[in-house]
Amino acid sequence: MAENASAADGVGLAESVKGVCVNVFSDNEKGEATAIKPEVLDGLLKRVKTQQDLMGPNGLLQGLTKGLVEQILEGELTHHLGYEKSDPVG
């Protein structure tokens, strides 16, 4: 995995964001939209019992959105600076 790769380099977003998402996506060689593996979804949905658990202020969607945005921003910052967070180089 290239640490300083960008979409222009042909590297997918999941790979450019420190490989965090790579193992949760199903293989997709046909260029279709990538699907999250069913077992990952099952694990996430186990704690959802009500609409609030899913869409409330502390719900699953809020947590997923927050986590994804933080990972993407951290990856972008790493790419921009050229080194990882807490790397002695920086």
PDB file of N, CA and C in Angstrom:
ATOM      1  N   MET A   1       0.848  -1.184   0.000  1.00  0.00           N
ATOM      2  CA  MET A   1       0.000   0.000   0.000  1.00  0.00           C
ATOM      3  C   MET A   1       0.884   1.235   0.000  1.00  0.00           C
ATOM      4  N   ALA A   2       0.597   2.160  -0.869  1.00  0.00           N
ATOM      5  CA  ALA A   2       1.360   3.395  -0.964  1.00  0.00           C
ATOM      6  C   ALA A   2       0.879   4.376   0.088  1.00  0.00           C
ATOM      7  N   GLU A   3       1.829   4.887   0.888  1.00  0.00           N
ATOM      8  CA  GLU A   3       1.432   5.792   1.958  1.00  0.00           C
ATOM      9  C   GLU A   3       1.064   7.184   1.432  1.00  0.00           C
ATOM     10  N   ASN A   4       1.750   7.638   0.417  1.00  0.00           N
ATOM     11  CA  ASN A   4       1.494   8.973  -0.094  1.00  0.00           C
ATOM     12  C   ASN A   4       0.799   8.914  -1.444  1.00  0.00           C
ATOM     13  N   ALA A   5      -0.160   8.024  -1.576  1.00  0.00           N
ATOM     14  CA  ALA A   5      -0.880   7.868  -2.836  1.00  0.00           C
ATOM     15  C   ALA A   5      -2.112   8.752  -2.849  1.00  0.00           C
ATOM     16  N   SER A   6      -2.540   9.058  -4.034  1.00  0.00           N
ATOM     17  CA  SER A   6      -3.768   9.833  -4.190  1.00  0.00           C
ATOM     18  C   SER A   6      -4.647   9.152  -5.220  1.00  0.00           C
ATOM     19  N   ALA A   7      -5.862   9.645  -5.386  1.00  0.00           N
ATOM     20  CA  ALA A   7      -6.775   9.081  -6.376  1.00  0.00           C
ATOM     21  C   ALA A   7      -6.159   9.179  -7.766  1.00  0.00           C
ATOM     22  N   ALA A   8      -5.372  10.222  -8.001  1.00  0.00           N
ATOM     23  CA  ALA A   8      -4.733  10.388  -9.298  1.00  0.00           C
ATOM     24  C   ALA A   8      -3.706   9.291  -9.557  1.00  0.00           C
ATOM     25  N   ASP A   9      -3.167   8.699  -8.497  1.00  0.00           N
ATOM     26  CA  ASP A   9      -2.210   7.613  -8.625  1.00  0.00           C
ATOM     27  C   ASP A   9      -2.896   6.277  -8.879  1.00  0.00           C
ATOM     28  N   GLY A  10      -4.226   6.268  -8.907  1.00  0.00           N
ATOM     29  CA  GLY A  10      -4.960   5.042  -9.139  1.00  0.00           C
ATOM     30  C   GLY A  10      -5.187   4.228  -7.881  1.00  0.00           C
ATOM     31  N   VAL A  11      -4.945   4.792  -6.733  1.00  0.00           N
ATOM     32  CA  VAL A  11      -5.141   4.092  -5.466  1.00  0.00           C
ATOM     33  C   VAL A  11      -6.500   4.464  -4.911  1.00  0.00           C
ATOM     34  N   GLY A  12      -7.271   3.474  -4.482  1.00  0.00           N
ATOM     35  CA  GLY A  12      -8.607   3.727  -3.946  1.00  0.00           C
ATOM     36  C   GLY A  12      -8.561   4.452  -2.626  1.00  0.00           C
ATOM     37  N   LEU A  13      -9.671   5.094  -2.282  1.00  0.00           N
ATOM     38  CA  LEU A  13      -9.770   5.857  -1.042  1.00  0.00           C
ATOM     39  C   LEU A  13      -9.469   4.981   0.163  1.00  0.00           C
ATOM     40  N   ALA A  14     -10.016   3.774   0.194  1.00  0.00           N
ATOM     41  CA  ALA A  14      -9.803   2.898   1.343  1.00  0.00           C
ATOM     42  C   ALA A  14      -8.322   2.610   1.531  1.00  0.00           C
ATOM     43  N   GLU A  15      -7.584   2.429   0.436  1.00  0.00           N
ATOM     44  CA  GLU A  15      -6.156   2.173   0.544  1.00  0.00           C
ATOM     45  C   GLU A  15      -5.399   3.419   0.974  1.00  0.00           C
ATOM     46  N   SER A  16      -5.826   4.569   0.499  1.00  0.00           N
ATOM     47  CA  SER A  16      -5.103   5.792   0.823  1.00  0.00           C
ATOM     48  C   SER A  16      -5.345   6.242   2.256  1.00  0.00           C
ATOM     49  N   VAL A  17      -6.370   5.714   2.898  1.00  0.00           N
ATOM     50  CA  VAL A  17      -6.665   6.072   4.281  1.00  0.00           C
ATOM     51  C   VAL A  17      -6.151   4.957   5.184  1.00  0.00           C
ATOM     52  N   LYS A  18      -4.871   4.689   5.087  1.00  0.00           N
ATOM     53  CA  LYS A  18      -4.154   3.770   5.958  1.00  0.00           C
ATOM     54  C   LYS A  18      -4.736   2.356   5.985  1.00  0.00           C
ATOM     55  N   GLY A  19      -5.420   1.934   4.950  1.00  0.00           N
ATOM     56  CA  GLY A  19      -5.911   0.560   4.861  1.00  0.00           C
ATOM     57  C   GLY A  19      -7.005   0.204   5.835  1.00  0.00           C
ATOM     58  N   VAL A  20      -7.577   1.183   6.517  1.00  0.00           N
ATOM     59  CA  VAL A  20      -8.566   0.909   7.550  1.00  0.00           C
ATOM     60  C   VAL A  20      -9.796   0.211   6.988  1.00  0.00           C
ATOM     61  N   CYS A  21     -10.254   0.626   5.834  1.00  0.00           N
ATOM     62  CA  CYS A  21     -11.503   0.105   5.278  1.00  0.00           C
ATOM     63  C   CYS A  21     -11.308  -1.095   4.366  1.00  0.00           C
ATOM     64  N   VAL A  22     -10.093  -1.411   4.003  1.00  0.00           N
ATOM     65  CA  VAL A  22      -9.840  -2.435   2.996  1.00  0.00           C
ATOM     66  C   VAL A  22     -10.458  -3.775   3.362  1.00  0.00           C
ATOM     67  N   ASN A  23     -10.370  -4.203   4.600  1.00  0.00           N
ATOM     68  CA  ASN A  23     -10.831  -5.529   4.986  1.00  0.00           C
ATOM     69  C   ASN A  23     -12.325  -5.635   5.234  1.00  0.00           C
ATOM     70  N   VAL A  24     -13.058  -4.554   5.204  1.00  0.00           N
ATOM     71  CA  VAL A  24     -14.499  -4.631   5.427  1.00  0.00           C
ATOM     72  C   VAL A  24     -15.292  -4.642   4.134  1.00  0.00           C
ATOM     73  N   PHE A  25     -14.643  -4.395   3.008  1.00  0.00           N
ATOM     74  CA  PHE A  25     -15.343  -4.358   1.738  1.00  0.00           C
ATOM     75  C   PHE A  25     -15.240  -5.682   1.008  1.00  0.00           C
ATOM     76  N   SER A  26     -16.302  -6.037   0.319  1.00  0.00           N
ATOM     77  CA  SER A  26     -16.305  -7.225  -0.525  1.00  0.00           C
ATOM     78  C   SER A  26     -15.437  -6.968  -1.749  1.00  0.00           C
ATOM     79  N   ASP A  27     -14.867  -8.039  -2.288  1.00  0.00           N
ATOM     80  CA  ASP A  27     -14.099  -7.924  -3.524  1.00  0.00           C
ATOM     81  C   ASP A  27     -15.016  -7.483  -4.650  1.00  0.00           C
ATOM     82  N   ASN A  28     -14.508  -6.624  -5.500  1.00  0.00           N
ATOM     83  CA  ASN A  28     -15.317  -6.101  -6.585  1.00  0.00           C
ATOM     84  C   ASN A  28     -14.417  -5.852  -7.787  1.00  0.00           C
ATOM     85  N   GLU A  29     -14.482  -6.714  -8.758  1.00  0.00           N
ATOM     86  CA  GLU A  29     -13.643  -6.572  -9.944  1.00  0.00           C
ATOM     87  C   GLU A  29     -14.411  -6.041 -11.141  1.00  0.00           C
ATOM     88  N   LYS A  30     -15.715  -5.856 -11.038  1.00  0.00           N
ATOM     89  CA  LYS A  30     -16.536  -5.442 -12.168  1.00  0.00           C
ATOM     90  C   LYS A  30     -16.742  -3.935 -12.229  1.00  0.00           C
ATOM     91  N   GLY A  31     -16.159  -3.178 -11.336  1.00  0.00           N
ATOM     92  CA  GLY A  31     -16.337  -1.739 -11.326  1.00  0.00           C
ATOM     93  C   GLY A  31     -17.667  -1.292 -10.753  1.00  0.00           C
ATOM     94  N   GLU A  32     -18.363  -2.195 -10.073  1.00  0.00           N
ATOM     95  CA  GLU A  32     -19.640  -1.851  -9.446  1.00  0.00           C
ATOM     96  C   GLU A  32     -19.385  -1.175  -8.109  1.00  0.00           C
ATOM     97  N   ALA A  33     -20.436  -0.611  -7.534  1.00  0.00           N
ATOM     98  CA  ALA A  33     -20.308  -0.005  -6.213  1.00  0.00           C
ATOM     99  C   ALA A  33     -19.835  -1.067  -5.226  1.00  0.00           C
ATOM    100  N   THR A  34     -18.902  -0.714  -4.377  1.00  0.00           N
ATOM    101  CA  THR A  34     -18.346  -1.649  -3.409  1.00  0.00           C
ATOM    102  C   THR A  34     -19.319  -1.867  -2.270  1.00  0.00           C
ATOM    103  N   ALA A  35     -19.493  -3.107  -1.884  1.00  0.00           N
ATOM    104  CA  ALA A  35     -20.417  -3.454  -0.813  1.00  0.00           C
ATOM    105  C   ALA A  35     -19.651  -3.822   0.445  1.00  0.00           C
ATOM    106  N   ILE A  36     -20.190  -3.452   1.582  1.00  0.00           N
ATOM    107  CA  ILE A  36     -19.600  -3.846   2.858  1.00  0.00           C
ATOM    108  C   ILE A  36     -19.985  -5.294   3.121  1.00  0.00           C
ATOM    109  N   LYS A  37     -19.040  -6.072   3.603  1.00  0.00           N
ATOM    110  CA  LYS A  37     -19.290  -7.490   3.857  1.00  0.00           C
ATOM    111  C   LYS A  37     -20.464  -7.662   4.823  1.00  0.00           C
ATOM    112  N   PRO A  38     -21.333  -8.642   4.563  1.00  0.00           N
ATOM    113  CA  PRO A  38     -22.504  -8.866   5.419  1.00  0.00           C
ATOM    114  C   PRO A  38     -22.159  -9.105   6.883  1.00  0.00           C
ATOM    115  N   GLU A  39     -21.071  -9.791   7.169  1.00  0.00           N
ATOM    116  CA  GLU A  39     -20.711 -10.051   8.562  1.00  0.00           C
ATOM    117  C   GLU A  39     -20.329  -8.771   9.306  1.00  0.00           C
ATOM    118  N   VAL A  40     -19.775  -7.805   8.591  1.00  0.00           N
ATOM    119  CA  VAL A  40     -19.459  -6.510   9.204  1.00  0.00           C
ATOM    120  C   VAL A  40     -20.752  -5.773   9.518  1.00  0.00           C
ATOM    121  N   LEU A  41     -21.683  -5.772   8.566  1.00  0.00           N
ATOM    122  CA  LEU A  41     -22.973  -5.127   8.798  1.00  0.00           C
ATOM    123  C   LEU A  41     -23.717  -5.789   9.952  1.00  0.00           C
ATOM    124  N   ASP A  42     -23.697  -7.126  10.016  1.00  0.00           N
ATOM    125  CA  ASP A  42     -24.353  -7.839  11.115  1.00  0.00           C
ATOM    126  C   ASP A  42     -23.785  -7.407  12.460  1.00  0.00           C
ATOM    127  N   GLY A  43     -22.461  -7.279  12.531  1.00  0.00           N
ATOM    128  CA  GLY A  43     -21.833  -6.842  13.770  1.00  0.00           C
ATOM    129  C   GLY A  43     -22.243  -5.444  14.180  1.00  0.00           C
ATOM    130  N   LEU A  44     -22.344  -4.557  13.205  1.00  0.00           N
ATOM    131  CA  LEU A  44     -22.755  -3.180  13.499  1.00  0.00           C
ATOM    132  C   LEU A  44     -24.221  -3.110  13.916  1.00  0.00           C
ATOM    133  N   LEU A  45     -25.060  -3.893  13.276  1.00  0.00           N
ATOM    134  CA  LEU A  45     -26.498  -3.819  13.527  1.00  0.00           C
ATOM    135  C   LEU A  45     -26.947  -4.561  14.782  1.00  0.00           C
ATOM    136  N   LYS A  46     -26.075  -5.346  15.402  1.00  0.00           N
ATOM    137  CA  LYS A  46     -26.438  -6.071  16.624  1.00  0.00           C
ATOM    138  C   LYS A  46     -26.881  -5.143  17.744  1.00  0.00           C
ATOM    139  N   ARG A  47     -26.304  -3.966  17.811  1.00  0.00           N
ATOM    140  CA  ARG A  47     -26.645  -3.030  18.898  1.00  0.00           C
ATOM    141  C   ARG A  47     -27.805  -2.108  18.558  1.00  0.00           C
ATOM    142  N   VAL A  48     -28.333  -2.193  17.346  1.00  0.00           N
ATOM    143  CA  VAL A  48     -29.443  -1.338  16.927  1.00  0.00           C
ATOM    144  C   VAL A  48     -30.762  -2.019  17.268  1.00  0.00           C
ATOM    145  N   LYS A  49     -31.500  -1.422  18.195  1.00  0.00           N
ATOM    146  CA  LYS A  49     -32.806  -1.948  18.617  1.00  0.00           C
ATOM    147  C   LYS A  49     -33.938  -0.983  18.296  1.00  0.00           C
ATOM    148  N   THR A  50     -33.622   0.304  18.227  1.00  0.00           N
ATOM    149  CA  THR A  50     -34.650   1.320  17.977  1.00  0.00           C
ATOM    150  C   THR A  50     -34.159   2.260  16.875  1.00  0.00           C
ATOM    151  N   GLN A  51     -35.070   3.120  16.427  1.00  0.00           N
ATOM    152  CA  GLN A  51     -34.713   4.116  15.427  1.00  0.00           C
ATOM    153  C   GLN A  51     -33.647   5.060  15.986  1.00  0.00           C
ATOM    154  N   GLN A  52     -33.726   5.380  17.272  1.00  0.00           N
ATOM    155  CA  GLN A  52     -32.727   6.248  17.912  1.00  0.00           C
ATOM    156  C   GLN A  52     -31.348   5.597  17.893  1.00  0.00           C
ATOM    157  N   ASP A  53     -31.301   4.275  18.081  1.00  0.00           N
ATOM    158  CA  ASP A  53     -30.020   3.567  18.037  1.00  0.00           C
ATOM    159  C   ASP A  53     -29.372   3.690  16.659  1.00  0.00           C
ATOM    160  N   LEU A  54     -30.191   3.813  15.643  1.00  0.00           N
ATOM    161  CA  LEU A  54     -29.686   3.908  14.275  1.00  0.00           C
ATOM    162  C   LEU A  54     -29.424   5.353  13.864  1.00  0.00           C
ATOM    163  N   MET A  55     -30.401   6.240  14.103  1.00  0.00           N
ATOM    164  CA  MET A  55     -30.333   7.581  13.547  1.00  0.00           C
ATOM    165  C   MET A  55     -30.270   8.699  14.573  1.00  0.00           C
ATOM    166  N   GLY A  56     -30.244   8.377  15.844  1.00  0.00           N
ATOM    167  CA  GLY A  56     -30.200   9.397  16.886  1.00  0.00           C
ATOM    168  C   GLY A  56     -28.855  10.085  16.970  1.00  0.00           C
ATOM    169  N   PRO A  57     -28.729  11.062  17.872  1.00  0.00           N
ATOM    170  CA  PRO A  57     -27.486  11.825  18.002  1.00  0.00           C
ATOM    171  C   PRO A  57     -26.280  10.967  18.386  1.00  0.00           C
ATOM    172  N   ASN A  58     -26.500   9.863  19.064  1.00  0.00           N
ATOM    173  CA  ASN A  58     -25.413   8.948  19.414  1.00  0.00           C
ATOM    174  C   ASN A  58     -25.583   7.608  18.700  1.00  0.00           C
ATOM    175  N   GLY A  59     -26.315   7.620  17.594  1.00  0.00           N
ATOM    176  CA  GLY A  59     -26.638   6.397  16.875  1.00  0.00           C
ATOM    177  C   GLY A  59     -25.535   5.911  15.951  1.00  0.00           C
ATOM    178  N   LEU A  60     -25.811   4.780  15.361  1.00  0.00           N
ATOM    179  CA  LEU A  60     -24.855   4.120  14.481  1.00  0.00           C
ATOM    180  C   LEU A  60     -24.460   4.993  13.295  1.00  0.00           C
ATOM    181  N   LEU A  61     -25.410   5.613  12.631  1.00  0.00           N
ATOM    182  CA  LEU A  61     -25.079   6.441  11.465  1.00  0.00           C
ATOM    183  C   LEU A  61     -24.203   7.633  11.845  1.00  0.00           C
ATOM    184  N   GLN A  62     -24.494   8.241  12.975  1.00  0.00           N
ATOM    185  CA  GLN A  62     -23.673   9.371  13.447  1.00  0.00           C
ATOM    186  C   GLN A  62     -22.243   8.894  13.717  1.00  0.00           C
ATOM    187  N   GLY A  63     -22.119   7.749  14.378  1.00  0.00           N
ATOM    188  CA  GLY A  63     -20.793   7.212  14.692  1.00  0.00           C
ATOM    189  C   GLY A  63     -20.011   6.821  13.445  1.00  0.00           C
ATOM    190  N   LEU A  64     -20.691   6.188  12.480  1.00  0.00           N
ATOM    191  CA  LEU A  64     -20.032   5.811  11.230  1.00  0.00           C
ATOM    192  C   LEU A  64     -19.574   7.045  10.456  1.00  0.00           C
ATOM    193  N   THR A  65     -20.445   8.029  10.366  1.00  0.00           N
ATOM    194  CA  THR A  65     -20.100   9.257   9.649  1.00  0.00           C
ATOM    195  C   THR A  65     -18.912   9.938  10.298  1.00  0.00           C
ATOM    196  N   LYS A  66     -18.952  10.066  11.609  1.00  0.00           N
ATOM    197  CA  LYS A  66     -17.854  10.714  12.346  1.00  0.00           C
ATOM    198  C   LYS A  66     -16.550   9.959  12.134  1.00  0.00           C
ATOM    199  N   GLY A  67     -16.590   8.639  12.269  1.00  0.00           N
ATOM    200  CA  GLY A  67     -15.385   7.835  12.104  1.00  0.00           C
ATOM    201  C   GLY A  67     -14.813   7.916  10.698  1.00  0.00           C
ATOM    202  N   LEU A  68     -15.681   7.850   9.695  1.00  0.00           N
ATOM    203  CA  LEU A  68     -15.218   7.931   8.309  1.00  0.00           C
ATOM    204  C   LEU A  68     -14.603   9.291   8.001  1.00  0.00           C
ATOM    205  N   VAL A  69     -15.259  10.348   8.432  1.00  0.00           N
ATOM    206  CA  VAL A  69     -14.735  11.694   8.166  1.00  0.00           C
ATOM    207  C   VAL A  69     -13.382  11.878   8.865  1.00  0.00           C
ATOM    208  N   GLU A  70     -13.263  11.422  10.104  1.00  0.00           N
ATOM    209  CA  GLU A  70     -11.986  11.554  10.822  1.00  0.00           C
ATOM    210  C   GLU A  70     -10.873  10.772  10.126  1.00  0.00           C
ATOM    211  N   GLN A  71     -11.162   9.551   9.692  1.00  0.00           N
ATOM    212  CA  GLN A  71     -10.156   8.744   8.999  1.00  0.00           C
ATOM    213  C   GLN A  71      -9.737   9.390   7.684  1.00  0.00           C
ATOM    214  N   ILE A  72     -10.707   9.902   6.935  1.00  0.00           N
ATOM    215  CA  ILE A  72     -10.401  10.543   5.657  1.00  0.00           C
ATOM    216  C   ILE A  72      -9.547  11.793   5.877  1.00  0.00           C
ATOM    217  N   LEU A  73      -9.934  12.616   6.856  1.00  0.00           N
ATOM    218  CA  LEU A  73      -9.161  13.833   7.124  1.00  0.00           C
ATOM    219  C   LEU A  73      -7.750  13.513   7.608  1.00  0.00           C
ATOM    220  N   GLU A  74      -7.630  12.486   8.442  1.00  0.00           N
ATOM    221  CA  GLU A  74      -6.303  12.085   8.917  1.00  0.00           C
ATOM    222  C   GLU A  74      -5.444  11.586   7.753  1.00  0.00           C
ATOM    223  N   GLY A  75      -6.052  10.830   6.850  1.00  0.00           N
ATOM    224  CA  GLY A  75      -5.332  10.356   5.668  1.00  0.00           C
ATOM    225  C   GLY A  75      -4.902  11.498   4.774  1.00  0.00           C
ATOM    226  N   GLU A  76      -5.790  12.468   4.585  1.00  0.00           N
ATOM    227  CA  GLU A  76      -5.458  13.635   3.772  1.00  0.00           C
ATOM    228  C   GLU A  76      -4.316  14.432   4.406  1.00  0.00           C
ATOM    229  N   LEU A  77      -4.356  14.611   5.721  1.00  0.00           N
ATOM    230  CA  LEU A  77      -3.304  15.345   6.410  1.00  0.00           C
ATOM    231  C   LEU A  77      -1.972  14.607   6.306  1.00  0.00           C
ATOM    232  N   THR A  78      -2.007  13.294   6.481  1.00  0.00           N
ATOM    233  CA  THR A  78      -0.794  12.484   6.337  1.00  0.00           C
ATOM    234  C   THR A  78      -0.222  12.632   4.933  1.00  0.00           C
ATOM    235  N   HIS A  79      -1.090  12.565   3.946  1.00  0.00           N
ATOM    236  CA  HIS A  79      -0.644  12.714   2.557  1.00  0.00           C
ATOM    237  C   HIS A  79      -0.044  14.101   2.323  1.00  0.00           C
ATOM    238  N   HIS A  80      -0.707  15.130   2.825  1.00  0.00           N
ATOM    239  CA  HIS A  80      -0.247  16.502   2.630  1.00  0.00           C
ATOM    240  C   HIS A  80       1.102  16.750   3.305  1.00  0.00           C
ATOM    241  N   LEU A  81       1.241  16.283   4.553  1.00  0.00           N
ATOM    242  CA  LEU A  81       2.471  16.518   5.297  1.00  0.00           C
ATOM    243  C   LEU A  81       3.601  15.587   4.879  1.00  0.00           C
ATOM    244  N   GLY A  82       3.221  14.380   4.426  1.00  0.00           N
ATOM    245  CA  GLY A  82       4.240  13.423   3.997  1.00  0.00           C
ATOM    246  C   GLY A  82       4.724  12.499   5.101  1.00  0.00           C
ATOM    247  N   TYR A  83       4.078  12.534   6.269  1.00  0.00           N
ATOM    248  CA  TYR A  83       4.434  11.618   7.350  1.00  0.00           C
ATOM    249  C   TYR A  83       3.216  11.368   8.228  1.00  0.00           C
ATOM    250  N   GLU A  84       3.251  10.237   8.969  1.00  0.00           N
ATOM    251  CA  GLU A  84       2.154   9.841   9.843  1.00  0.00           C
ATOM    252  C   GLU A  84       2.106  10.697  11.104  1.00  0.00           C
ATOM    253  N   LYS A  85       0.939  10.724  11.733  1.00  0.00           N
ATOM    254  CA  LYS A  85       0.755  11.414  13.017  1.00  0.00           C
ATOM    255  C   LYS A  85       1.722  10.810  14.033  1.00  0.00           C
ATOM    256  N   SER A  86       2.359  11.637  14.823  1.00  0.00           N
ATOM    257  CA  SER A  86       3.316  11.246  15.874  1.00  0.00           C
ATOM    258  C   SER A  86       4.602  10.642  15.321  1.00  0.00           C
ATOM    259  N   ASP A  87       4.857  10.812  14.026  1.00  0.00           N
ATOM    260  CA  ASP A  87       6.099  10.324  13.421  1.00  0.00           C
ATOM    261  C   ASP A  87       7.225  11.267  13.836  1.00  0.00           C
ATOM    262  N   PRO A  88       8.355  10.737  14.306  1.00  0.00           N
ATOM    263  CA  PRO A  88       9.451  11.600  14.732  1.00  0.00           C
ATOM    264  C   PRO A  88      10.021  12.462  13.584  1.00  0.00           C
ATOM    265  N   VAL A  89       9.735  12.106  12.341  1.00  0.00           N
ATOM    266  CA  VAL A  89      10.201  12.897  11.198  1.00  0.00           C
ATOM    267  C   VAL A  89       9.604  14.298  11.247  1.00  0.00           C
ATOM    268  N   GLY A  90       8.327  14.394  11.686  1.00  0.00           N
ATOM    269  CA  GLY A  90       7.628  15.676  11.702  1.00  0.00           C
ATOM    270  C   GLY A  90       7.928  16.429  12.931  1.00  0.00           C
TER     271      GLY A  90
END
